[in-house]
Structure formats: structure tokens, C-alpha cells
Amino acid sequence: MFIEMKIGLAVIFFIWMLTRSLYKKATWVQLTIVGLQIFSVLLLIELSITHYFPEFLEAKWLIGVFFATVFILAAAKERYLSKSEQQEIK
């Protein structure tokens, strides 16, 4: 039962981090949010694969790298869009 509570908290943390926007935020805030998003998905992958899908243990790092790349690309897109919008205003 303890693992279900840990996974439940990891899911809540993951969903909460997905709702954070990087739009028009300071650089350090953007980096912090992206770091926490990556940490949340890696924690969720670690807990779920270790306890429920042990046959995917060898691919755990690959799955984590894939999701981390998705978050980094999404952050780069948000940063580009916010910078281009600021340049249009000037």
C-alpha cells in the first residue's frame, strides 16, 4: 500500500508540474520549472517501472531521456515564443 501512496503523490506532482507555464517568466524560473518537470517524470518512471513493469528496467533510462527531451523542447518553444512576442511589441 505504501508504494501506491508514493505513486499517487508522484502522479499529483507530475500533473501539477505539467500545468506550470513558462510563458513570460524569468530565465531562472523557467529553468527551475523545467528541472522540476523532468524530476517529476523521472520519479514517476522510476516508481512505476520498478514496482509494476520490471521487464522494462533496462529501458528505464531511455524512457526517461525521451520524456526529458520532450520537456526541454517544449521549454525551448515557450521561450522562443515569448521572446518573439516581446520583440513584436517593441
Protein backbone atom coordinates (compact mmCIF):
# COMPACT_ATOMS: atom_id res chain seq x y z
CA MET A 1 0.00 0.00 0.00
CA PHE A 2 2.91 2.36 0.65
CA ILE A 3 4.03 2.19 -3.00
CA GLU A 4 0.54 3.13 -4.18
CA MET A 5 0.70 6.23 -2.00
CA LYS A 6 4.13 7.15 -3.39
CA ILE A 7 2.96 6.66 -6.97
CA GLY A 8 -0.21 8.65 -6.26
CA LEU A 9 1.84 11.54 -4.90
CA ALA A 10 4.21 11.29 -7.88
CA VAL A 11 1.24 11.45 -10.27
CA ILE A 12 -0.15 14.51 -8.48
CA PHE A 13 3.27 16.19 -8.58
CA PHE A 14 3.64 15.30 -12.28
CA ILE A 15 0.23 16.72 -13.19
CA TRP A 16 0.89 19.84 -11.14
CA MET A 17 4.20 20.37 -12.95
CA LEU A 18 2.52 19.92 -16.33
CA THR A 19 0.19 22.81 -15.56
CA ARG A 20 3.07 25.23 -14.92
CA SER A 21 3.61 27.66 -17.77
CA LEU A 22 6.97 29.10 -18.77
CA TYR A 23 5.40 31.92 -20.71
CA LYS A 24 6.88 35.36 -19.87
CA LYS A 25 8.75 34.15 -16.81
CA ALA A 26 12.32 34.95 -15.78
CA THR A 27 15.05 32.62 -17.03
CA TRP A 28 15.81 31.16 -13.60
CA VAL A 29 12.10 30.44 -13.06
CA GLN A 30 11.91 28.72 -16.44
CA LEU A 31 14.94 26.57 -15.66
CA THR A 32 13.54 25.67 -12.25
CA ILE A 33 10.18 24.67 -13.71
CA VAL A 34 11.79 22.55 -16.44
CA GLY A 35 14.06 20.90 -13.87
CA LEU A 36 11.10 20.06 -11.65
CA GLN A 37 9.13 18.76 -14.64
CA ILE A 38 11.99 16.46 -15.58
CA PHE A 39 12.40 15.34 -11.96
CA SER A 40 8.67 14.61 -11.69
CA VAL A 41 8.58 12.42 -14.79
CA LEU A 42 11.78 10.58 -13.81
CA LEU A 43 10.36 9.92 -10.34
CA LEU A 44 7.13 8.62 -11.82
CA ILE A 45 9.01 6.39 -14.27
CA GLU A 46 11.28 5.08 -11.51
CA LEU A 47 8.41 4.19 -9.20
CA SER A 48 6.13 2.67 -11.82
CA ILE A 49 8.71 0.66 -13.74
CA THR A 50 10.49 -0.64 -10.64
CA HIS A 51 7.32 -1.91 -8.98
CA TYR A 52 4.86 -2.67 -11.79
CA PHE A 53 6.86 -3.20 -15.01
CA PRO A 54 10.20 -4.78 -14.04
CA GLU A 55 10.62 -6.17 -17.56
CA PHE A 56 11.33 -2.59 -18.73
CA LEU A 57 14.14 -1.93 -16.22
CA GLU A 58 16.79 -1.92 -18.96
CA ALA A 59 14.85 0.69 -20.96
CA LYS A 60 14.14 2.92 -17.96
CA TRP A 61 16.92 5.39 -18.78
CA LEU A 62 15.83 5.58 -22.43
CA ILE A 63 12.24 6.33 -21.46
CA GLY A 64 13.47 8.98 -19.02
CA VAL A 65 15.70 10.62 -21.63
CA PHE A 66 12.79 10.69 -24.10
CA PHE A 67 10.47 12.46 -21.67
CA ALA A 68 13.21 14.85 -20.52
CA THR A 69 13.84 15.77 -24.17
CA VAL A 70 10.13 16.45 -24.66
CA PHE A 71 10.12 18.84 -21.70
CA ILE A 72 13.29 20.60 -22.86
CA LEU A 73 11.93 21.06 -26.40
CA ALA A 74 8.62 22.37 -25.04
CA ALA A 75 10.51 24.82 -22.83
CA ALA A 76 12.62 26.00 -25.77
CA LYS A 77 9.46 26.57 -27.81
CA GLU A 78 7.82 28.55 -24.98
CA ARG A 79 10.96 30.65 -24.55
CA TYR A 80 11.17 31.34 -28.29
CA LEU A 81 7.50 32.32 -28.49
CA SER A 82 7.72 34.65 -25.51
CA LYS A 83 10.87 36.33 -26.87
CA SER A 84 9.42 36.76 -30.35
CA GLU A 85 6.24 38.25 -28.89
CA GLN A 86 8.28 40.71 -26.81
CA GLN A 87 10.18 41.77 -29.94
CA GLU A 88 6.90 42.37 -31.81
CA ILE A 89 5.68 44.64 -29.03
CA LYS A 90 8.81 46.82 -29.26
